[in-house]
């Protein structure tokens, strides 16, 4: 009798596919209450405008000769010695080019802390959720009054991003308007800018599938506009509720933060949000421009 074949070994069960725990349950790691979605567009790198004409400029200098060059230098020395003409602050020239020379995270950090920036000096933290591509100066990205104010100065480019607070209950669109203004013009521009512009509310920047999906013109609640004297940039901010509620009368931040206000915009701190984030971005721009100037000088 032939030997009987051994019974086949039982099949090994296939490994179970990994199935993540349902949202809200912990498996050693607790997810945040809401995962913020960001829509970011990379800013367009632009070739240094000076390099395109560098060869032509060199040839022109050779043709003009040392006599004309000497005359030009004399003119520069005389202009610099004019009484009352302010010297450009450190980093002023470099700040003009930050819109295409600096990485997006240096201009709009992913997280922006605001110690003491809320009502009653409460701390604030803003998270970036939308970054728009750089844009030319136009009514689509600038309020009418501000556009009219910066166009004569040589409006260069506009960068915009939208942030939300730590509770994802408010959204804030910030704008950086780069100009070719000299130091004197920039100083004049910044004097009481928000008050001079009146009800010149900056446009909102929404982001599909983000906390700012319903942030539009009707949701704008408070805003602030500032032109620091030491960098040729105008910084704007407009805040609103993340739940999409409309606001009938947007308020500038100085009014929305006034004592004794009991309306929803004031009580929610949206004026503090707009002004606080504007001040933080100003400081960041100033630091970035100064650092660029020091690095250039060290080369």
C-alpha atoms as a PDB file:
ATOM      1  CA  UNK A   1       0.000   0.000   0.000  1.00  0.00           C
ATOM      2  CA  UNK A   2       1.538   3.289  -1.002  1.00  0.00           C
ATOM      3  CA  UNK A   3       2.203   5.724   1.845  1.00  0.00           C
ATOM      4  CA  UNK A   4      -0.488   8.283   2.364  1.00  0.00           C
ATOM      5  CA  UNK A   5       0.391  11.874   1.545  1.00  0.00           C
ATOM      6  CA  UNK A   6       0.650  14.195   4.484  1.00  0.00           C
ATOM      7  CA  UNK A   7      -2.360  16.467   4.858  1.00  0.00           C
ATOM      8  CA  UNK A   8      -1.773  19.936   3.466  1.00  0.00           C
ATOM      9  CA  UNK A   9      -0.655  22.560   5.962  1.00  0.00           C
ATOM     10  CA  UNK A  10      -3.357  25.030   6.878  1.00  0.00           C
ATOM     11  CA  UNK A  11      -3.143  28.234   4.879  1.00  0.00           C
ATOM     12  CA  UNK A  12      -1.575  31.155   6.739  1.00  0.00           C
ATOM     13  CA  UNK A  13      -4.047  34.012   6.984  1.00  0.00           C
ATOM     14  CA  UNK A  14      -3.112  37.095   5.011  1.00  0.00           C
ATOM     15  CA  UNK A  15      -1.986  40.032   7.119  1.00  0.00           C
ATOM     16  CA  UNK A  16      -4.823  42.360   7.907  1.00  0.00           C
ATOM     17  CA  UNK A  17      -4.761  45.679   6.138  1.00  0.00           C
ATOM     18  CA  UNK A  18      -3.982  48.624   8.372  1.00  0.00           C
ATOM     19  CA  UNK A  19      -7.130  50.539   9.177  1.00  0.00           C
ATOM     20  CA  UNK A  20      -6.591  53.864  10.962  1.00  0.00           C
ATOM     21  CA  UNK A  21      -8.583  54.507  14.073  1.00  0.00           C
ATOM     22  CA  UNK A  22     -11.742  56.548  13.559  1.00  0.00           C
ATOM     23  CA  UNK A  23     -11.223  60.273  13.853  1.00  0.00           C
ATOM     24  CA  UNK A  24     -11.402  61.372  17.446  1.00  0.00           C
ATOM     25  CA  UNK A  25     -10.182  58.057  18.982  1.00  0.00           C
ATOM     26  CA  UNK A  26      -6.707  57.826  20.333  1.00  0.00           C
ATOM     27  CA  UNK A  27      -4.135  55.172  19.381  1.00  0.00           C
ATOM     28  CA  UNK A  28      -1.219  56.686  21.214  1.00  0.00           C
ATOM     29  CA  UNK A  29      -1.685  60.026  19.415  1.00  0.00           C
ATOM     30  CA  UNK A  30      -4.562  62.417  19.739  1.00  0.00           C
ATOM     31  CA  UNK A  31      -5.256  64.372  16.525  1.00  0.00           C
ATOM     32  CA  UNK A  32      -6.065  68.056  16.808  1.00  0.00           C
ATOM     33  CA  UNK A  33      -9.719  69.027  17.018  1.00  0.00           C
ATOM     34  CA  UNK A  34      -9.567  70.284  13.439  1.00  0.00           C
ATOM     35  CA  UNK A  35      -6.883  69.729  10.815  1.00  0.00           C
ATOM     36  CA  UNK A  36      -6.384  72.990   8.994  1.00  0.00           C
ATOM     37  CA  UNK A  37      -6.137  72.741   5.244  1.00  0.00           C
ATOM     38  CA  UNK A  38      -3.845  75.138   3.414  1.00  0.00           C
ATOM     39  CA  UNK A  39      -4.008  76.278  -0.185  1.00  0.00           C
ATOM     40  CA  UNK A  40      -0.583  77.627  -1.066  1.00  0.00           C
ATOM     41  CA  UNK A  41       0.648  78.927  -4.390  1.00  0.00           C
ATOM     42  CA  UNK A  42       4.373  79.400  -4.825  1.00  0.00           C
ATOM     43  CA  UNK A  43       5.370  82.983  -5.469  1.00  0.00           C
ATOM     44  CA  UNK A  44       6.750  83.544  -8.933  1.00  0.00           C
ATOM     45  CA  UNK A  45      10.540  83.972  -8.985  1.00  0.00           C
ATOM     46  CA  UNK A  46      11.482  86.963 -11.082  1.00  0.00           C
ATOM     47  CA  UNK A  47      14.837  87.560 -12.699  1.00  0.00           C
ATOM     48  CA  UNK A  48      16.747  90.434 -11.191  1.00  0.00           C
ATOM     49  CA  UNK A  49      15.745  93.426 -13.315  1.00  0.00           C
ATOM     50  CA  UNK A  50      19.242  94.833 -13.026  1.00  0.00           C
ATOM     51  CA  UNK A  51      20.880  91.826 -14.706  1.00  0.00           C
ATOM     52  CA  UNK A  52      18.900  92.226 -17.932  1.00  0.00           C
ATOM     53  CA  UNK A  53      20.318  95.651 -18.612  1.00  0.00           C
ATOM     54  CA  UNK A  54      23.724  95.174 -17.073  1.00  0.00           C
ATOM     55  CA  UNK A  55      25.528  94.551 -20.370  1.00  0.00           C
ATOM     56  CA  UNK A  56      23.821  97.450 -22.103  1.00  0.00           C
ATOM     57  CA  UNK A  57      24.583  99.751 -19.200  1.00  0.00           C
ATOM     58  CA  UNK A  58      28.275  98.859 -19.329  1.00  0.00           C
ATOM     59  CA  UNK A  59      28.442  99.620 -23.038  1.00  0.00           C
ATOM     60  CA  UNK A  60      26.665 102.931 -22.524  1.00  0.00           C
ATOM     61  CA  UNK A  61      29.134 103.948 -19.839  1.00  0.00           C
ATOM     62  CA  UNK A  62      32.041 103.231 -22.178  1.00  0.00           C
ATOM     63  CA  UNK A  63      30.523 105.443 -24.860  1.00  0.00           C
ATOM     64  CA  UNK A  64      29.692 108.303 -22.521  1.00  0.00           C
ATOM     65  CA  UNK A  65      33.266 108.498 -21.262  1.00  0.00           C
ATOM     66  CA  UNK A  66      34.742 109.540 -18.001  1.00  0.00           C
ATOM     67  CA  UNK A  67      33.668 113.160 -18.381  1.00  0.00           C
ATOM     68  CA  UNK A  68      29.958 112.416 -18.275  1.00  0.00           C
ATOM     69  CA  UNK A  69      30.429 109.852 -15.550  1.00  0.00           C
ATOM     70  CA  UNK A  70      32.226 112.446 -13.464  1.00  0.00           C
ATOM     71  CA  UNK A  71      29.370 114.874 -14.016  1.00  0.00           C
ATOM     72  CA  UNK A  72      26.844 112.280 -12.963  1.00  0.00           C
ATOM     73  CA  UNK A  73      28.775 111.498  -9.808  1.00  0.00           C
ATOM     74  CA  UNK A  74      28.946 115.185  -8.974  1.00  0.00           C
ATOM     75  CA  UNK A  75      25.169 115.345  -9.313  1.00  0.00           C
ATOM     76  CA  UNK A  76      24.766 112.427  -6.955  1.00  0.00           C
ATOM     77  CA  UNK A  77      27.030 114.063  -4.366  1.00  0.00           C
ATOM     78  CA  UNK A  78      25.110 117.327  -4.572  1.00  0.00           C
ATOM     79  CA  UNK A  79      21.753 115.529  -4.234  1.00  0.00           C
ATOM     80  CA  UNK A  80      22.996 113.597  -1.210  1.00  0.00           C
ATOM     81  CA  UNK A  81      24.145 116.818   0.429  1.00  0.00           C
ATOM     82  CA  UNK A  82      20.773 118.566   0.032  1.00  0.00           C
ATOM     83  CA  UNK A  83      19.539 119.713   3.447  1.00  0.00           C
ATOM     84  CA  UNK A  84      16.455 117.919   4.741  1.00  0.00           C
ATOM     85  CA  UNK A  85      16.835 114.957   2.382  1.00  0.00           C
ATOM     86  CA  UNK A  86      16.620 111.826   4.564  1.00  0.00           C
ATOM     87  CA  UNK A  87      19.008 108.952   3.965  1.00  0.00           C
ATOM     88  CA  UNK A  88      17.449 105.596   3.193  1.00  0.00           C
ATOM     89  CA  UNK A  89      17.205 103.350   6.263  1.00  0.00           C
ATOM     90  CA  UNK A  90      19.272 100.164   6.310  1.00  0.00           C
ATOM     91  CA  UNK A  91      17.543  97.515   4.197  1.00  0.00           C
ATOM     92  CA  UNK A  92      15.281  99.985   2.409  1.00  0.00           C
ATOM     93  CA  UNK A  93      16.519  99.133  -1.087  1.00  0.00           C
ATOM     94  CA  UNK A  94      16.588  95.408  -0.332  1.00  0.00           C
ATOM     95  CA  UNK A  95      12.983  95.521   0.909  1.00  0.00           C
ATOM     96  CA  UNK A  96      11.813  96.547  -2.575  1.00  0.00           C
ATOM     97  CA  UNK A  97      12.923  93.191  -3.938  1.00  0.00           C
ATOM     98  CA  UNK A  98      11.685  90.918  -1.159  1.00  0.00           C
ATOM     99  CA  UNK A  99       8.513  90.061  -3.052  1.00  0.00           C
ATOM    100  CA  UNK A 100      10.518  87.853  -5.403  1.00  0.00           C
ATOM    101  CA  UNK A 101      13.836  87.416  -3.575  1.00  0.00           C
ATOM    102  CA  UNK A 102      12.526  86.070  -0.260  1.00  0.00           C
ATOM    103  CA  UNK A 103      10.880  82.642   0.171  1.00  0.00           C
ATOM    104  CA  UNK A 104       7.185  82.630   0.954  1.00  0.00           C
ATOM    105  CA  UNK A 105       7.728  81.340   4.496  1.00  0.00           C
ATOM    106  CA  UNK A 106       9.935  84.354   5.246  1.00  0.00           C
ATOM    107  CA  UNK A 107       7.177  86.760   4.208  1.00  0.00           C
ATOM    108  CA  UNK A 108       4.159  84.766   5.395  1.00  0.00           C
ATOM    109  CA  UNK A 109       5.274  82.304   8.120  1.00  0.00           C
ATOM    110  CA  UNK A 110       3.201  79.154   8.455  1.00  0.00           C
ATOM    111  CA  UNK A 111       2.634  80.054  12.098  1.00  0.00           C
ATOM    112  CA  UNK A 112       2.762  83.607  13.368  1.00  0.00           C
ATOM    113  CA  UNK A 113       2.784  84.171  17.163  1.00  0.00           C
ATOM    114  CA  UNK A 114       1.183  87.291  18.578  1.00  0.00           C
ATOM    115  CA  UNK A 115       2.022  87.666  22.281  1.00  0.00           C
ATOM    116  CA  UNK A 116      -0.324  90.176  23.869  1.00  0.00           C
ATOM    117  CA  UNK A 117      -2.051  90.894  20.551  1.00  0.00           C
ATOM    118  CA  UNK A 118      -5.601  90.058  21.643  1.00  0.00           C
ATOM    119  CA  UNK A 119      -8.174  91.833  23.813  1.00  0.00           C
ATOM    120  CA  UNK A 120      -6.828  92.424  27.296  1.00  0.00           C
ATOM    121  CA  UNK A 121      -3.295  91.677  26.059  1.00  0.00           C
ATOM    122  CA  UNK A 122      -4.238  88.028  25.491  1.00  0.00           C
ATOM    123  CA  UNK A 123      -1.833  85.978  23.387  1.00  0.00           C
ATOM    124  CA  UNK A 124      -2.710  85.122  19.815  1.00  0.00           C
ATOM    125  CA  UNK A 125      -1.360  82.579  17.332  1.00  0.00           C
ATOM    126  CA  UNK A 126      -2.235  82.668  13.637  1.00  0.00           C
ATOM    127  CA  UNK A 127      -1.900  79.785  11.187  1.00  0.00           C
ATOM    128  CA  UNK A 128      -1.528  80.342   7.448  1.00  0.00           C
ATOM    129  CA  UNK A 129      -4.192  78.621   5.357  1.00  0.00           C
ATOM    130  CA  UNK A 130      -4.077  80.371   1.959  1.00  0.00           C
ATOM    131  CA  UNK A 131      -1.330  81.982  -0.108  1.00  0.00           C
ATOM    132  CA  UNK A 132      -2.220  83.638  -3.407  1.00  0.00           C
ATOM    133  CA  UNK A 133       0.159  84.062  -6.348  1.00  0.00           C
ATOM    134  CA  UNK A 134       1.828  87.454  -6.622  1.00  0.00           C
ATOM    135  CA  UNK A 135      -0.352  89.910  -8.520  1.00  0.00           C
ATOM    136  CA  UNK A 136      -0.084  93.284 -10.247  1.00  0.00           C
ATOM    137  CA  UNK A 137      -1.563  96.293  -8.478  1.00  0.00           C
ATOM    138  CA  UNK A 138      -5.245  96.345  -9.463  1.00  0.00           C
ATOM    139  CA  UNK A 139      -8.741  96.719  -7.952  1.00  0.00           C
ATOM    140  CA  UNK A 140      -8.913  92.919  -7.694  1.00  0.00           C
ATOM    141  CA  UNK A 141      -6.295  92.863  -4.927  1.00  0.00           C
ATOM    142  CA  UNK A 142      -6.252  96.437  -3.582  1.00  0.00           C
ATOM    143  CA  UNK A 143      -8.945  98.700  -2.188  1.00  0.00           C
ATOM    144  CA  UNK A 144      -9.733 101.667  -4.436  1.00  0.00           C
ATOM    145  CA  UNK A 145      -8.305 104.388  -2.195  1.00  0.00           C
ATOM    146  CA  UNK A 146      -5.056 102.568  -1.479  1.00  0.00           C
ATOM    147  CA  UNK A 147      -4.558 101.804  -5.157  1.00  0.00           C
ATOM    148  CA  UNK A 148      -4.929 105.492  -5.986  1.00  0.00           C
ATOM    149  CA  UNK A 149      -2.434 106.387  -3.241  1.00  0.00           C
ATOM    150  CA  UNK A 150       0.335 103.982  -4.292  1.00  0.00           C
ATOM    151  CA  UNK A 151       0.064 104.106  -8.089  1.00  0.00           C
ATOM    152  CA  UNK A 152       1.877 107.480  -8.383  1.00  0.00           C
ATOM    153  CA  UNK A 153       4.721 106.044  -6.284  1.00  0.00           C
ATOM    154  CA  UNK A 154       5.230 103.104  -8.618  1.00  0.00           C
ATOM    155  CA  UNK A 155       3.211 100.184  -7.312  1.00  0.00           C
ATOM    156  CA  UNK A 156       5.325  97.095  -7.895  1.00  0.00           C
ATOM    157  CA  UNK A 157       3.510  93.941  -6.755  1.00  0.00           C
ATOM    158  CA  UNK A 158       0.960  92.663  -4.241  1.00  0.00           C
ATOM    159  CA  UNK A 159       1.302  89.504  -2.162  1.00  0.00           C
ATOM    160  CA  UNK A 160      -1.606  88.151  -0.116  1.00  0.00           C
ATOM    161  CA  UNK A 161      -2.253  85.346   2.348  1.00  0.00           C
ATOM    162  CA  UNK A 162      -5.036  84.370   4.735  1.00  0.00           C
ATOM    163  CA  UNK A 163      -4.562  83.203   8.315  1.00  0.00           C
ATOM    164  CA  UNK A 164      -6.860  81.849  11.007  1.00  0.00           C
ATOM    165  CA  UNK A 165      -6.611  82.053  14.774  1.00  0.00           C
ATOM    166  CA  UNK A 166      -5.941  79.098  17.074  1.00  0.00           C
ATOM    167  CA  UNK A 167      -9.663  78.405  17.507  1.00  0.00           C
ATOM    168  CA  UNK A 168     -10.366  78.622  13.743  1.00  0.00           C
ATOM    169  CA  UNK A 169     -13.190  81.040  14.547  1.00  0.00           C
ATOM    170  CA  UNK A 170     -11.735  84.059  12.738  1.00  0.00           C
ATOM    171  CA  UNK A 171      -9.912  84.554   9.446  1.00  0.00           C
ATOM    172  CA  UNK A 172      -7.582  87.386   8.431  1.00  0.00           C
ATOM    173  CA  UNK A 173      -6.375  88.277   4.934  1.00  0.00           C
ATOM    174  CA  UNK A 174      -3.051  90.115   4.951  1.00  0.00           C
ATOM    175  CA  UNK A 175      -1.502  91.965   2.039  1.00  0.00           C
ATOM    176  CA  UNK A 176       2.002  93.244   1.270  1.00  0.00           C
ATOM    177  CA  UNK A 177       2.052  96.044  -1.299  1.00  0.00           C
ATOM    178  CA  UNK A 178       5.563  96.699  -2.629  1.00  0.00           C
ATOM    179  CA  UNK A 179       6.263 100.122  -4.137  1.00  0.00           C
ATOM    180  CA  UNK A 180       9.158 102.098  -5.675  1.00  0.00           C
ATOM    181  CA  UNK A 181       8.625 105.004  -3.265  1.00  0.00           C
ATOM    182  CA  UNK A 182      11.686 106.843  -1.977  1.00  0.00           C
ATOM    183  CA  UNK A 183      12.142 107.408   1.743  1.00  0.00           C
ATOM    184  CA  UNK A 184      10.470 110.838   1.720  1.00  0.00           C
ATOM    185  CA  UNK A 185       7.399 109.653  -0.193  1.00  0.00           C
ATOM    186  CA  UNK A 186       7.075 106.570   1.990  1.00  0.00           C
ATOM    187  CA  UNK A 187       7.146 108.654   5.155  1.00  0.00           C
ATOM    188  CA  UNK A 188       4.427 110.941   3.805  1.00  0.00           C
ATOM    189  CA  UNK A 189       2.321 107.986   2.689  1.00  0.00           C
ATOM    190  CA  UNK A 190       2.348 106.408   6.136  1.00  0.00           C
ATOM    191  CA  UNK A 191       1.130 109.413   8.112  1.00  0.00           C
ATOM    192  CA  UNK A 192      -2.380 108.510   9.326  1.00  0.00           C
ATOM    193  CA  UNK A 193      -2.932 106.244   6.322  1.00  0.00           C
ATOM    194  CA  UNK A 194      -5.973 104.308   7.575  1.00  0.00           C
ATOM    195  CA  UNK A 195      -7.746 107.487   8.673  1.00  0.00           C
ATOM    196  CA  UNK A 196      -7.021 109.231   5.360  1.00  0.00           C
ATOM    197  CA  UNK A 197      -8.346 106.310   3.339  1.00  0.00           C
ATOM    198  CA  UNK A 198     -11.665 106.256   5.216  1.00  0.00           C
ATOM    199  CA  UNK A 199     -13.880 103.238   4.536  1.00  0.00           C
ATOM    200  CA  UNK A 200     -11.272 101.693   2.251  1.00  0.00           C
ATOM    201  CA  UNK A 201     -11.618  98.053   3.283  1.00  0.00           C
ATOM    202  CA  UNK A 202      -9.066  95.641   1.732  1.00  0.00           C
ATOM    203  CA  UNK A 203     -10.439  92.726  -0.324  1.00  0.00           C
ATOM    204  CA  UNK A 204     -10.772  89.329   1.358  1.00  0.00           C
ATOM    205  CA  UNK A 205      -8.913  86.235   0.114  1.00  0.00           C
ATOM    206  CA  UNK A 206     -10.918  83.044   0.525  1.00  0.00           C
ATOM    207  CA  UNK A 207      -9.671  79.481   0.147  1.00  0.00           C
ATOM    208  CA  UNK A 208     -11.830  76.594  -1.076  1.00  0.00           C
ATOM    209  CA  UNK A 209     -11.942  73.659   1.341  1.00  0.00           C
ATOM    210  CA  UNK A 210     -10.288  75.736   4.070  1.00  0.00           C
ATOM    211  CA  UNK A 211     -11.520  77.588   7.140  1.00  0.00           C
ATOM    212  CA  UNK A 212     -11.647  80.686   4.912  1.00  0.00           C
ATOM    213  CA  UNK A 213     -13.943  79.100   2.306  1.00  0.00           C
ATOM    214  CA  UNK A 214     -16.780  81.530   3.133  1.00  0.00           C
ATOM    215  CA  UNK A 215     -14.648  84.635   3.653  1.00  0.00           C
ATOM    216  CA  UNK A 216     -15.798  87.207   1.121  1.00  0.00           C
ATOM    217  CA  UNK A 217     -16.501  90.925   0.883  1.00  0.00           C
ATOM    218  CA  UNK A 218     -19.680  90.703   2.972  1.00  0.00           C
ATOM    219  CA  UNK A 219     -17.816  88.908   5.757  1.00  0.00           C
ATOM    220  CA  UNK A 220     -15.196  91.619   6.251  1.00  0.00           C
ATOM    221  CA  UNK A 221     -15.501  92.962   9.798  1.00  0.00           C
ATOM    222  CA  UNK A 222     -12.400  94.972  10.728  1.00  0.00           C
ATOM    223  CA  UNK A 223      -9.256  96.121   8.947  1.00  0.00           C
ATOM    224  CA  UNK A 224      -6.010  98.014   9.279  1.00  0.00           C
ATOM    225  CA  UNK A 225      -3.560  99.570   6.807  1.00  0.00           C
ATOM    226  CA  UNK A 226      -0.024 100.675   7.631  1.00  0.00           C
ATOM    227  CA  UNK A 227       2.932 102.067   5.655  1.00  0.00           C
ATOM    228  CA  UNK A 228       6.068 101.908   7.833  1.00  0.00           C
ATOM    229  CA  UNK A 229       8.555 104.702   7.132  1.00  0.00           C
ATOM    230  CA  UNK A 230      11.623 102.447   6.944  1.00  0.00           C
ATOM    231  CA  UNK A 231      10.536  99.991   4.211  1.00  0.00           C
ATOM    232  CA  UNK A 232       8.733 100.749   0.906  1.00  0.00           C
ATOM    233  CA  UNK A 233       5.824  98.412   1.639  1.00  0.00           C
ATOM    234  CA  UNK A 234       2.206  98.915   2.662  1.00  0.00           C
ATOM    235  CA  UNK A 235       0.812  96.227   4.968  1.00  0.00           C
ATOM    236  CA  UNK A 236      -2.933  95.580   5.037  1.00  0.00           C
ATOM    237  CA  UNK A 237      -5.126  93.224   7.043  1.00  0.00           C
ATOM    238  CA  UNK A 238      -8.857  92.529   7.056  1.00  0.00           C
ATOM    239  CA  UNK A 239     -10.528  90.138   9.497  1.00  0.00           C
ATOM    240  CA  UNK A 240     -13.876  88.391   9.685  1.00  0.00           C
ATOM    241  CA  UNK A 241     -15.762  85.477  11.219  1.00  0.00           C
ATOM    242  CA  UNK A 242     -14.907  82.016   9.916  1.00  0.00           C
ATOM    243  CA  UNK A 243     -18.543  80.875  10.047  1.00  0.00           C
ATOM    244  CA  UNK A 244     -19.459  83.065   7.069  1.00  0.00           C
ATOM    245  CA  UNK A 245     -21.698  85.542   8.872  1.00  0.00           C
ATOM    246  CA  UNK A 246     -22.125  88.877   7.116  1.00  0.00           C
ATOM    247  CA  UNK A 247     -21.145  92.173   8.736  1.00  0.00           C
ATOM    248  CA  UNK A 248     -23.141  95.266   7.853  1.00  0.00           C
ATOM    249  CA  UNK A 249     -20.600  97.912   8.863  1.00  0.00           C
ATOM    250  CA  UNK A 250     -16.908  96.988   8.887  1.00  0.00           C
ATOM    251  CA  UNK A 251     -14.842  98.995  11.367  1.00  0.00           C
ATOM    252  CA  UNK A 252     -11.216 100.126  11.267  1.00  0.00           C
ATOM    253  CA  UNK A 253      -9.190  98.443  13.982  1.00  0.00           C
ATOM    254  CA  UNK A 254      -8.727 101.573  16.097  1.00  0.00           C
ATOM    255  CA  UNK A 255     -12.503 101.921  16.446  1.00  0.00           C
ATOM    256  CA  UNK A 256     -13.132  98.191  16.907  1.00  0.00           C
ATOM    257  CA  UNK A 257     -10.645  98.117  19.800  1.00  0.00           C
ATOM    258  CA  UNK A 258     -11.934 101.233  21.563  1.00  0.00           C
ATOM    259  CA  UNK A 259     -13.005 100.860  25.190  1.00  0.00           C
ATOM    260  CA  UNK A 260     -16.680 100.425  25.905  1.00  0.00           C
ATOM    261  CA  UNK A 261     -17.578  98.759  22.602  1.00  0.00           C
ATOM    262  CA  UNK A 262     -20.116  95.949  23.035  1.00  0.00           C
ATOM    263  CA  UNK A 263     -20.897  94.962  19.428  1.00  0.00           C
ATOM    264  CA  UNK A 264     -19.961  91.520  18.070  1.00  0.00           C
ATOM    265  CA  UNK A 265     -16.956  92.737  16.093  1.00  0.00           C
ATOM    266  CA  UNK A 266     -15.422  94.432  19.131  1.00  0.00           C
ATOM    267  CA  UNK A 267     -16.253  91.639  21.560  1.00  0.00           C
ATOM    268  CA  UNK A 268     -14.775  88.995  19.269  1.00  0.00           C
ATOM    269  CA  UNK A 269     -11.450  90.819  19.050  1.00  0.00           C
ATOM    270  CA  UNK A 270     -11.448  91.103  15.254  1.00  0.00           C
ATOM    271  CA  UNK A 271      -9.995  94.607  15.482  1.00  0.00           C
ATOM    272  CA  UNK A 272      -7.158  93.277  17.632  1.00  0.00           C
ATOM    273  CA  UNK A 273      -6.614  90.491  15.083  1.00  0.00           C
ATOM    274  CA  UNK A 274      -6.288  92.904  12.157  1.00  0.00           C
ATOM    275  CA  UNK A 275      -3.967  95.346  13.892  1.00  0.00           C
ATOM    276  CA  UNK A 276      -1.937  92.704  15.702  1.00  0.00           C
ATOM    277  CA  UNK A 277      -1.094  90.681  12.608  1.00  0.00           C
ATOM    278  CA  UNK A 278      -0.231  93.861  10.692  1.00  0.00           C
ATOM    279  CA  UNK A 279       2.301  94.873  13.335  1.00  0.00           C
ATOM    280  CA  UNK A 280       3.882  91.391  13.360  1.00  0.00           C
ATOM    281  CA  UNK A 281       4.303  91.319   9.600  1.00  0.00           C
ATOM    282  CA  UNK A 282       5.872  94.792   9.659  1.00  0.00           C
ATOM    283  CA  UNK A 283       8.475  93.607  12.145  1.00  0.00           C
ATOM    284  CA  UNK A 284       9.145  90.492  10.114  1.00  0.00           C
ATOM    285  CA  UNK A 285       9.636  92.481   6.900  1.00  0.00           C
ATOM    286  CA  UNK A 286      11.958  94.914   8.666  1.00  0.00           C
ATOM    287  CA  UNK A 287      14.096  92.097  10.046  1.00  0.00           C
ATOM    288  CA  UNK A 288      14.223  90.269   6.717  1.00  0.00           C
ATOM    289  CA  UNK A 289      15.226  93.416   4.809  1.00  0.00           C
ATOM    290  CA  UNK A 290      17.899  94.388   7.359  1.00  0.00           C
ATOM    291  CA  UNK A 291      19.359  90.889   7.270  1.00  0.00           C
ATOM    292  CA  UNK A 292      19.489  90.983   3.456  1.00  0.00           C
ATOM    293  CA  UNK A 293      21.321  94.319   3.565  1.00  0.00           C
ATOM    294  CA  UNK A 294      23.899  93.039   6.056  1.00  0.00           C
ATOM    295  CA  UNK A 295      24.511  89.889   4.004  1.00  0.00           C
ATOM    296  CA  UNK A 296      24.959  91.998   0.868  1.00  0.00           C
ATOM    297  CA  UNK A 297      27.451  94.246   2.611  1.00  0.00           C
ATOM    298  CA  UNK A 298      29.414  91.252   3.936  1.00  0.00           C
ATOM    299  CA  UNK A 299      29.984  89.829   0.447  1.00  0.00           C
END
